[in-house]
């Protein structure tokens, strides 16, 4: 009997071991709620052909992320300039 299991996979690329991996709030939440069905794959950009990049795997990465991550909050207000009601200058 074949059993299908659904997993989620987040793939991130980074340069060298000092490179940074950035998770969006949604990705972070998925890692927290999906536990053992969530995998983080890291592709180490070695500067060689992409087929030669090293693949690293971390199953259920939330605890490791919580241990090491630094939370940053950035709020950006983006407005289409053409939509604003500009004041006329005489």
N, C-alpha and C. Protein backbone atom coordinates (compact mmCIF):
# COMPACT_ATOMS: atom_id res chain seq x y z
N UNK A 1 0.84 -1.18 0.00
CA UNK A 1 0.00 0.00 0.00
C UNK A 1 0.89 1.25 0.00
N UNK A 2 0.63 2.15 -0.92
CA UNK A 2 1.38 3.39 -1.02
C UNK A 2 0.68 4.46 -0.20
N UNK A 3 1.47 5.19 0.57
CA UNK A 3 0.94 6.27 1.40
C UNK A 3 1.53 7.59 0.92
N UNK A 4 0.69 8.51 0.55
CA UNK A 4 1.16 9.82 0.10
C UNK A 4 1.22 10.77 1.29
N UNK A 5 2.33 11.44 1.44
CA UNK A 5 2.51 12.42 2.48
C UNK A 5 2.88 13.75 1.82
N UNK A 6 2.18 14.78 2.19
CA UNK A 6 2.46 16.11 1.65
C UNK A 6 3.49 16.81 2.54
N UNK A 7 4.51 17.35 1.91
CA UNK A 7 5.52 18.13 2.63
C UNK A 7 5.64 19.49 1.95
N UNK A 8 6.19 20.42 2.67
CA UNK A 8 6.46 21.74 2.10
C UNK A 8 7.96 21.95 2.10
N UNK A 9 8.42 22.57 1.05
CA UNK A 9 9.85 22.76 0.84
C UNK A 9 10.12 24.23 0.56
N UNK A 10 11.00 24.81 1.35
CA UNK A 10 11.44 26.19 1.12
C UNK A 10 12.89 26.12 0.65
N UNK A 11 13.17 26.72 -0.50
CA UNK A 11 14.51 26.69 -1.07
C UNK A 11 15.10 28.09 -1.00
N UNK A 12 16.29 28.18 -0.43
CA UNK A 12 17.00 29.46 -0.33
C UNK A 12 18.41 29.27 -0.87
N UNK A 13 18.91 30.29 -1.53
CA UNK A 13 20.30 30.28 -1.98
C UNK A 13 21.08 31.29 -1.15
N UNK A 14 22.35 31.00 -0.97
CA UNK A 14 23.21 31.90 -0.22
C UNK A 14 24.63 31.73 -0.68
N UNK A 15 25.45 32.76 -0.48
CA UNK A 15 26.86 32.73 -0.86
C UNK A 15 27.69 32.45 0.37
N UNK A 16 28.46 31.41 0.33
CA UNK A 16 29.38 31.02 1.40
C UNK A 16 28.65 30.88 2.73
N UNK A 17 29.34 30.38 3.72
CA UNK A 17 28.72 30.13 5.01
C UNK A 17 28.39 31.42 5.76
N UNK A 18 29.01 32.53 5.39
CA UNK A 18 28.67 33.79 6.03
C UNK A 18 27.49 34.48 5.35
N UNK A 19 26.96 33.87 4.31
CA UNK A 19 25.80 34.43 3.61
C UNK A 19 24.56 34.42 4.49
N UNK A 20 23.58 35.18 4.11
CA UNK A 20 22.36 35.32 4.89
C UNK A 20 21.19 34.59 4.24
N UNK A 21 20.35 33.99 5.04
CA UNK A 21 19.10 33.40 4.58
C UNK A 21 17.98 34.24 5.19
N UNK A 22 17.08 34.72 4.36
CA UNK A 22 16.00 35.58 4.81
C UNK A 22 14.69 34.84 4.63
N UNK A 23 13.90 34.80 5.70
CA UNK A 23 12.58 34.20 5.65
C UNK A 23 11.52 35.28 5.81
N UNK A 24 10.51 35.25 4.98
CA UNK A 24 9.39 36.18 5.13
C UNK A 24 8.57 35.75 6.34
N UNK A 25 7.72 36.64 6.87
CA UNK A 25 6.86 36.24 7.98
C UNK A 25 6.02 35.01 7.65
N UNK A 26 5.54 34.92 6.43
CA UNK A 26 4.72 33.77 6.04
C UNK A 26 5.55 32.48 6.02
N UNK A 27 6.77 32.54 5.51
CA UNK A 27 7.65 31.36 5.50
C UNK A 27 7.97 30.92 6.93
N UNK A 28 8.23 31.91 7.80
CA UNK A 28 8.53 31.62 9.19
C UNK A 28 7.33 30.95 9.87
N UNK A 29 6.14 31.46 9.61
CA UNK A 29 4.92 30.87 10.18
C UNK A 29 4.71 29.45 9.68
N UNK A 30 4.95 29.21 8.41
CA UNK A 30 4.79 27.86 7.85
C UNK A 30 5.75 26.89 8.53
N UNK A 31 6.98 27.32 8.74
CA UNK A 31 7.97 26.47 9.41
C UNK A 31 7.52 26.14 10.82
N UNK A 32 6.87 27.08 11.49
CA UNK A 32 6.42 26.88 12.87
C UNK A 32 5.23 25.93 12.95
N UNK A 33 4.35 25.99 11.96
CA UNK A 33 3.12 25.21 12.04
C UNK A 33 3.20 23.86 11.36
N UNK A 34 4.09 23.70 10.40
CA UNK A 34 4.16 22.44 9.64
C UNK A 34 5.14 21.44 10.25
N UNK A 35 5.94 21.87 11.18
CA UNK A 35 6.94 21.07 11.91
C UNK A 35 7.64 20.04 11.03
N UNK A 36 7.41 18.75 11.25
CA UNK A 36 8.20 17.72 10.56
C UNK A 36 7.86 17.56 9.09
N UNK A 37 6.85 18.25 8.60
CA UNK A 37 6.51 18.19 7.17
C UNK A 37 7.07 19.38 6.39
N UNK A 38 7.91 20.18 7.05
CA UNK A 38 8.47 21.37 6.43
C UNK A 38 9.98 21.22 6.35
N UNK A 39 10.53 21.46 5.17
CA UNK A 39 11.97 21.34 4.95
C UNK A 39 12.53 22.65 4.45
N UNK A 40 13.73 22.97 4.91
CA UNK A 40 14.48 24.11 4.39
C UNK A 40 15.66 23.55 3.61
N UNK A 41 15.71 23.88 2.34
CA UNK A 41 16.85 23.49 1.51
C UNK A 41 17.69 24.74 1.28
N UNK A 42 18.97 24.62 1.52
CA UNK A 42 19.89 25.70 1.25
C UNK A 42 20.82 25.31 0.12
N UNK A 43 20.88 26.14 -0.88
CA UNK A 43 21.79 25.92 -2.01
C UNK A 43 22.95 26.90 -1.88
N UNK A 44 24.13 26.37 -1.65
CA UNK A 44 25.34 27.18 -1.46
C UNK A 44 25.89 27.60 -2.81
N UNK A 45 25.76 28.89 -3.12
CA UNK A 45 26.26 29.46 -4.38
C UNK A 45 27.77 29.54 -4.30
N UNK A 46 28.43 28.60 -4.95
CA UNK A 46 29.89 28.52 -4.91
C UNK A 46 30.55 29.33 -6.01
N UNK A 47 29.75 29.96 -6.87
CA UNK A 47 30.30 30.69 -8.00
C UNK A 47 30.50 29.80 -9.21
N UNK A 48 30.28 28.51 -9.03
CA UNK A 48 30.39 27.56 -10.14
C UNK A 48 29.03 27.44 -10.82
N UNK A 49 28.92 26.51 -11.75
CA UNK A 49 27.64 26.25 -12.40
C UNK A 49 26.62 25.86 -11.34
N UNK A 50 25.37 26.26 -11.53
CA UNK A 50 24.34 25.97 -10.53
C UNK A 50 24.19 24.47 -10.28
N UNK A 51 24.46 23.65 -11.28
CA UNK A 51 24.36 22.20 -11.09
C UNK A 51 25.42 21.68 -10.13
N UNK A 52 26.42 22.50 -9.81
CA UNK A 52 27.49 22.09 -8.89
C UNK A 52 27.32 22.69 -7.49
N UNK A 53 26.26 23.46 -7.27
CA UNK A 53 26.03 24.04 -5.95
C UNK A 53 25.74 22.94 -4.94
N UNK A 54 26.22 23.13 -3.72
CA UNK A 54 26.00 22.16 -2.65
C UNK A 54 24.60 22.36 -2.07
N UNK A 55 23.89 21.24 -1.89
CA UNK A 55 22.55 21.26 -1.31
C UNK A 55 22.61 20.82 0.14
N UNK A 56 22.03 21.63 1.02
CA UNK A 56 21.94 21.29 2.44
C UNK A 56 20.47 21.22 2.81
N UNK A 57 20.12 20.29 3.67
CA UNK A 57 18.73 20.05 4.05
C UNK A 57 18.56 20.17 5.55
N UNK A 58 17.46 20.80 5.96
CA UNK A 58 17.11 20.89 7.37
C UNK A 58 15.62 20.61 7.49
N UNK A 59 15.28 19.47 8.10
CA UNK A 59 13.88 19.13 8.32
C UNK A 59 13.41 19.79 9.61
N UNK A 60 12.18 20.28 9.61
CA UNK A 60 11.59 20.95 10.77
C UNK A 60 12.53 22.03 11.30
N UNK A 61 12.82 23.05 10.49
CA UNK A 61 13.86 24.02 10.84
C UNK A 61 13.47 25.06 11.88
N UNK A 62 12.23 25.09 12.34
CA UNK A 62 11.77 26.19 13.19
C UNK A 62 12.61 26.37 14.45
N UNK A 63 12.91 25.31 15.17
CA UNK A 63 13.69 25.44 16.41
C UNK A 63 15.08 26.02 16.13
N UNK A 64 15.70 25.58 15.05
CA UNK A 64 17.04 26.09 14.69
C UNK A 64 16.96 27.55 14.27
N UNK A 65 15.89 27.91 13.55
CA UNK A 65 15.69 29.30 13.16
C UNK A 65 15.50 30.17 14.40
N UNK A 66 14.68 29.70 15.34
CA UNK A 66 14.44 30.46 16.57
C UNK A 66 15.72 30.63 17.38
N UNK A 67 16.57 29.63 17.36
CA UNK A 67 17.81 29.68 18.12
C UNK A 67 18.78 30.73 17.58
N UNK A 68 18.78 30.94 16.26
CA UNK A 68 19.81 31.76 15.63
C UNK A 68 19.33 33.05 14.96
N UNK A 69 18.09 33.11 14.61
CA UNK A 69 17.61 34.22 13.78
C UNK A 69 17.54 35.53 14.54
N UNK A 70 17.74 36.60 13.81
CA UNK A 70 17.54 37.95 14.31
C UNK A 70 16.33 38.50 13.57
N UNK A 71 15.35 38.93 14.34
CA UNK A 71 14.12 39.44 13.73
C UNK A 71 14.32 40.90 13.35
N UNK A 72 13.92 41.23 12.13
CA UNK A 72 13.94 42.60 11.64
C UNK A 72 12.56 42.93 11.13
N UNK A 73 12.11 44.11 11.44
CA UNK A 73 10.80 44.53 10.95
C UNK A 73 11.02 45.75 10.05
N UNK A 74 10.51 45.65 8.83
CA UNK A 74 10.61 46.74 7.86
C UNK A 74 9.20 47.03 7.36
N UNK A 75 8.78 48.24 7.52
CA UNK A 75 7.48 48.64 7.01
C UNK A 75 7.72 49.66 5.90
N UNK A 76 7.16 49.39 4.76
CA UNK A 76 7.31 50.28 3.61
C UNK A 76 5.92 50.67 3.13
N UNK A 77 5.72 51.94 2.89
CA UNK A 77 4.47 52.41 2.30
C UNK A 77 4.76 52.76 0.85
N UNK A 78 4.20 52.02 -0.05
CA UNK A 78 4.46 52.21 -1.47
C UNK A 78 3.21 52.82 -2.11
N UNK A 79 3.40 53.90 -2.85
CA UNK A 79 2.29 54.63 -3.44
C UNK A 79 2.59 54.89 -4.90
N UNK A 80 1.62 54.66 -5.75
CA UNK A 80 1.77 55.01 -7.16
C UNK A 80 1.68 56.53 -7.28
N UNK A 81 2.73 57.16 -7.77
CA UNK A 81 2.79 58.62 -7.83
C UNK A 81 1.64 59.22 -8.62
N UNK A 82 1.22 58.54 -9.65
CA UNK A 82 0.13 59.05 -10.48
C UNK A 82 -1.22 59.01 -9.80
N UNK A 83 -1.35 58.32 -8.70
CA UNK A 83 -2.62 58.20 -7.98
C UNK A 83 -2.79 59.30 -6.93
N UNK A 84 -1.71 59.99 -6.56
CA UNK A 84 -1.79 61.02 -5.54
C UNK A 84 -2.46 62.27 -6.08
N UNK A 85 -3.14 62.99 -5.19
CA UNK A 85 -3.73 64.29 -5.56
C UNK A 85 -2.71 65.35 -5.17
N UNK A 86 -1.83 65.65 -6.09
CA UNK A 86 -0.76 66.61 -5.86
C UNK A 86 -1.30 68.02 -5.80
N UNK A 87 -0.67 68.86 -4.97
CA UNK A 87 -1.03 70.28 -4.91
C UNK A 87 -0.42 70.98 -6.12
N UNK A 88 -1.18 71.84 -6.72
CA UNK A 88 -0.66 72.63 -7.85
C UNK A 88 0.19 73.76 -7.31
N UNK A 89 1.37 73.93 -7.91
CA UNK A 89 2.25 75.05 -7.54
C UNK A 89 2.18 76.10 -8.63
N UNK A 90 1.98 77.28 -8.21
CA UNK A 90 1.89 78.38 -9.19
C UNK A 90 3.16 79.15 -9.28
